[in-house]
């Protein structure tokens, strides 16, 4: 479920990446992925 939400967020951000939001979301995505890896 979390993965699905992240994928949706990335798709939405791709539509507005002209204002740099994509890079911000990408950093958040990587951070979350790292946290998930540590928990598993």
PDB file of N, CA and C in Angstrom:
ATOM      1  N   UNK A   1       0.840  -1.202   0.000  1.00  0.00           N
ATOM      2  CA  UNK A   1       0.000   0.000   0.000  1.00  0.00           C
ATOM      3  C   UNK A   1       0.875   1.252   0.000  1.00  0.00           C
ATOM      4  N   UNK A   2       1.907   1.221   0.829  1.00  0.00           N
ATOM      5  CA  UNK A   2       2.817   2.373   0.849  1.00  0.00           C
ATOM      6  C   UNK A   2       3.484   2.541  -0.506  1.00  0.00           C
ATOM      7  N   UNK A   3       3.891   1.415  -1.088  1.00  0.00           N
ATOM      8  CA  UNK A   3       4.547   1.467  -2.396  1.00  0.00           C
ATOM      9  C   UNK A   3       3.623   2.097  -3.431  1.00  0.00           C
ATOM     10  N   UNK A   4       2.344   1.727  -3.387  1.00  0.00           N
ATOM     11  CA  UNK A   4       1.374   2.273  -4.341  1.00  0.00           C
ATOM     12  C   UNK A   4       1.259   3.785  -4.167  1.00  0.00           C
ATOM     13  N   UNK A   5       1.194   4.232  -2.923  1.00  0.00           N
ATOM     14  CA  UNK A   5       1.084   5.666  -2.665  1.00  0.00           C
ATOM     15  C   UNK A   5       2.308   6.406  -3.178  1.00  0.00           C
ATOM     16  N   UNK A   6       3.476   5.818  -2.981  1.00  0.00           N
ATOM     17  CA  UNK A   6       4.707   6.450  -3.462  1.00  0.00           C
ATOM     18  C   UNK A   6       4.702   6.537  -4.980  1.00  0.00           C
ATOM     19  N   UNK A   7       4.265   5.465  -5.641  1.00  0.00           N
ATOM     20  CA  UNK A   7       4.233   5.464  -7.100  1.00  0.00           C
ATOM     21  C   UNK A   7       3.280   6.536  -7.609  1.00  0.00           C
ATOM     22  N   UNK A   8       2.126   6.682  -6.969  1.00  0.00           N
ATOM     23  CA  UNK A   8       1.173   7.705  -7.375  1.00  0.00           C
ATOM     24  C   UNK A   8       1.768   9.093  -7.181  1.00  0.00           C
ATOM     25  N   UNK A   9       2.487   9.286  -6.095  1.00  0.00           N
ATOM     26  CA  UNK A   9       3.095  10.588  -5.820  1.00  0.00           C
ATOM     27  C   UNK A   9       4.133  10.921  -6.881  1.00  0.00           C
ATOM     28  N   UNK A  10       4.922   9.919  -7.279  1.00  0.00           N
ATOM     29  CA  UNK A  10       5.945  10.158  -8.296  1.00  0.00           C
ATOM     30  C   UNK A  10       5.306  10.501  -9.634  1.00  0.00           C
ATOM     31  N   UNK A  11       4.204   9.818  -9.985  1.00  0.00           N
ATOM     32  CA  UNK A  11       3.538  10.107 -11.259  1.00  0.00           C
ATOM     33  C   UNK A  11       2.981  11.521 -11.250  1.00  0.00           C
ATOM     34  N   UNK A  12       2.349  11.908 -10.150  1.00  0.00           N
ATOM     35  CA  UNK A  12       1.791  13.257 -10.067  1.00  0.00           C
ATOM     36  C   UNK A  12       2.899  14.296 -10.153  1.00  0.00           C
ATOM     37  N   UNK A  13       4.004  14.018  -9.503  1.00  0.00           N
ATOM     38  CA  UNK A  13       5.100  14.981  -9.487  1.00  0.00           C
ATOM     39  C   UNK A  13       5.733  15.121 -10.861  1.00  0.00           C
ATOM     40  N   UNK A  14       5.736  14.042 -11.631  1.00  0.00           N
ATOM     41  CA  UNK A  14       6.309  14.115 -12.978  1.00  0.00           C
ATOM     42  C   UNK A  14       5.563  15.148 -13.814  1.00  0.00           C
ATOM     43  N   UNK A  15       4.285  15.354 -13.513  1.00  0.00           N
ATOM     44  CA  UNK A  15       3.491  16.308 -14.273  1.00  0.00           C
ATOM     45  C   UNK A  15       3.857  17.747 -13.935  1.00  0.00           C
ATOM     46  N   UNK A  16       4.460  17.949 -12.757  1.00  0.00           N
ATOM     47  CA  UNK A  16       4.771  19.316 -12.328  1.00  0.00           C
ATOM     48  C   UNK A  16       6.257  19.475 -12.044  1.00  0.00           C
ATOM     49  N   UNK A  17       7.092  18.637 -12.660  1.00  0.00           N
ATOM     50  CA  UNK A  17       8.525  18.683 -12.361  1.00  0.00           C
ATOM     51  C   UNK A  17       9.192  19.948 -12.902  1.00  0.00           C
ATOM     52  N   UNK A  18       8.446  20.793 -13.629  1.00  0.00           N
ATOM     53  CA  UNK A  18       9.034  22.032 -14.140  1.00  0.00           C
ATOM     54  C   UNK A  18       9.440  22.956 -12.999  1.00  0.00           C
ATOM     55  N   UNK A  19       8.764  22.856 -11.853  1.00  0.00           N
ATOM     56  CA  UNK A  19       9.072  23.761 -10.738  1.00  0.00           C
ATOM     57  C   UNK A  19      10.013  23.118  -9.734  1.00  0.00           C
ATOM     58  N   UNK A  20      10.613  21.989 -10.089  1.00  0.00           N
ATOM     59  CA  UNK A  20      11.590  21.366  -9.212  1.00  0.00           C
ATOM     60  C   UNK A  20      10.985  20.453  -8.162  1.00  0.00           C
ATOM     61  N   UNK A  21       9.669  20.290  -8.153  1.00  0.00           N
ATOM     62  CA  UNK A  21       9.029  19.447  -7.141  1.00  0.00           C
ATOM     63  C   UNK A  21       9.443  17.990  -7.308  1.00  0.00           C
ATOM     64  N   UNK A  22       9.762  17.602  -8.529  1.00  0.00           N
ATOM     65  CA  UNK A  22      10.135  16.202  -8.772  1.00  0.00           C
ATOM     66  C   UNK A  22      11.363  15.805  -7.955  1.00  0.00           C
ATOM     67  N   UNK A  23      12.369  16.666  -7.948  1.00  0.00           N
ATOM     68  CA  UNK A  23      13.587  16.346  -7.199  1.00  0.00           C
ATOM     69  C   UNK A  23      13.293  16.235  -5.712  1.00  0.00           C
ATOM     70  N   UNK A  24      12.427  17.094  -5.203  1.00  0.00           N
ATOM     71  CA  UNK A  24      12.067  17.047  -3.788  1.00  0.00           C
ATOM     72  C   UNK A  24      11.375  15.733  -3.464  1.00  0.00           C
ATOM     73  N   UNK A  25      10.434  15.327  -4.320  1.00  0.00           N
ATOM     74  CA  UNK A  25       9.716  14.074  -4.092  1.00  0.00           C
ATOM     75  C   UNK A  25      10.654  12.893  -4.233  1.00  0.00           C
ATOM     76  N   UNK A  26      11.587  12.981  -5.174  1.00  0.00           N
ATOM     77  CA  UNK A  26      12.527  11.881  -5.374  1.00  0.00           C
ATOM     78  C   UNK A  26      13.385  11.688  -4.126  1.00  0.00           C
ATOM     79  N   UNK A  27      13.806  12.790  -3.510  1.00  0.00           N
ATOM     80  CA  UNK A  27      14.594  12.683  -2.274  1.00  0.00           C
ATOM     81  C   UNK A  27      13.759  12.045  -1.173  1.00  0.00           C
ATOM     82  N   UNK A  28      12.492  12.441  -1.068  1.00  0.00           N
ATOM     83  CA  UNK A  28      11.614  11.849  -0.056  1.00  0.00           C
ATOM     84  C   UNK A  28      11.445  10.362  -0.329  1.00  0.00           C
ATOM     85  N   UNK A  29      11.274   9.999  -1.589  1.00  0.00           N
ATOM     86  CA  UNK A  29      11.088   8.599  -1.967  1.00  0.00           C
ATOM     87  C   UNK A  29      12.304   7.772  -1.572  1.00  0.00           C
ATOM     88  N   UNK A  30      13.485   8.271  -1.867  1.00  0.00           N
ATOM     89  CA  UNK A  30      14.714   7.546  -1.536  1.00  0.00           C
ATOM     90  C   UNK A  30      14.847   7.399  -0.024  1.00  0.00           C
ATOM     91  N   UNK A  31      14.521   8.456   0.704  1.00  0.00           N
ATOM     92  CA  UNK A  31      14.610   8.401   2.167  1.00  0.00           C
ATOM     93  C   UNK A  31      13.667   7.349   2.721  1.00  0.00           C
ATOM     94  N   UNK A  32      12.451   7.313   2.212  1.00  0.00           N
ATOM     95  CA  UNK A  32      11.467   6.327   2.677  1.00  0.00           C
ATOM     96  C   UNK A  32      11.934   4.922   2.338  1.00  0.00           C
ATOM     97  N   UNK A  33      12.459   4.735   1.136  1.00  0.00           N
ATOM     98  CA  UNK A  33      12.936   3.411   0.735  1.00  0.00           C
ATOM     99  C   UNK A  33      14.042   2.938   1.673  1.00  0.00           C
ATOM    100  N   UNK A  34      14.929   3.845   2.068  1.00  0.00           N
ATOM    101  CA  UNK A  34      16.019   3.494   2.975  1.00  0.00           C
ATOM    102  C   UNK A  34      15.460   3.092   4.333  1.00  0.00           C
ATOM    103  N   UNK A  35      14.457   3.822   4.818  1.00  0.00           N
ATOM    104  CA  UNK A  35      13.856   3.511   6.114  1.00  0.00           C
ATOM    105  C   UNK A  35      13.172   2.152   6.063  1.00  0.00           C
ATOM    106  N   UNK A  36      12.483   1.868   4.960  1.00  0.00           N
ATOM    107  CA  UNK A  36      11.803   0.581   4.810  1.00  0.00           C
ATOM    108  C   UNK A  36      12.826  -0.545   4.801  1.00  0.00           C
ATOM    109  N   UNK A  37      13.951  -0.316   4.151  1.00  0.00           N
ATOM    110  CA  UNK A  37      14.992  -1.344   4.088  1.00  0.00           C
ATOM    111  C   UNK A  37      15.559  -1.616   5.483  1.00  0.00           C
ATOM    112  N   UNK A  38      15.681  -0.572   6.280  1.00  0.00           N
ATOM    113  CA  UNK A  38      16.217  -0.743   7.631  1.00  0.00           C
ATOM    114  C   UNK A  38      15.230  -1.495   8.516  1.00  0.00           C
ATOM    115  N   UNK A  39      13.949  -1.275   8.310  1.00  0.00           N
ATOM    116  CA  UNK A  39      12.936  -1.932   9.137  1.00  0.00           C
ATOM    117  C   UNK A  39      12.770  -3.402   8.783  1.00  0.00           C
ATOM    118  N   UNK A  40      12.987  -3.735   7.536  1.00  0.00           N
ATOM    119  CA  UNK A  40      12.764  -5.115   7.105  1.00  0.00           C
ATOM    120  C   UNK A  40      13.915  -6.033   7.502  1.00  0.00           C
TER     121      UNK A  40
END
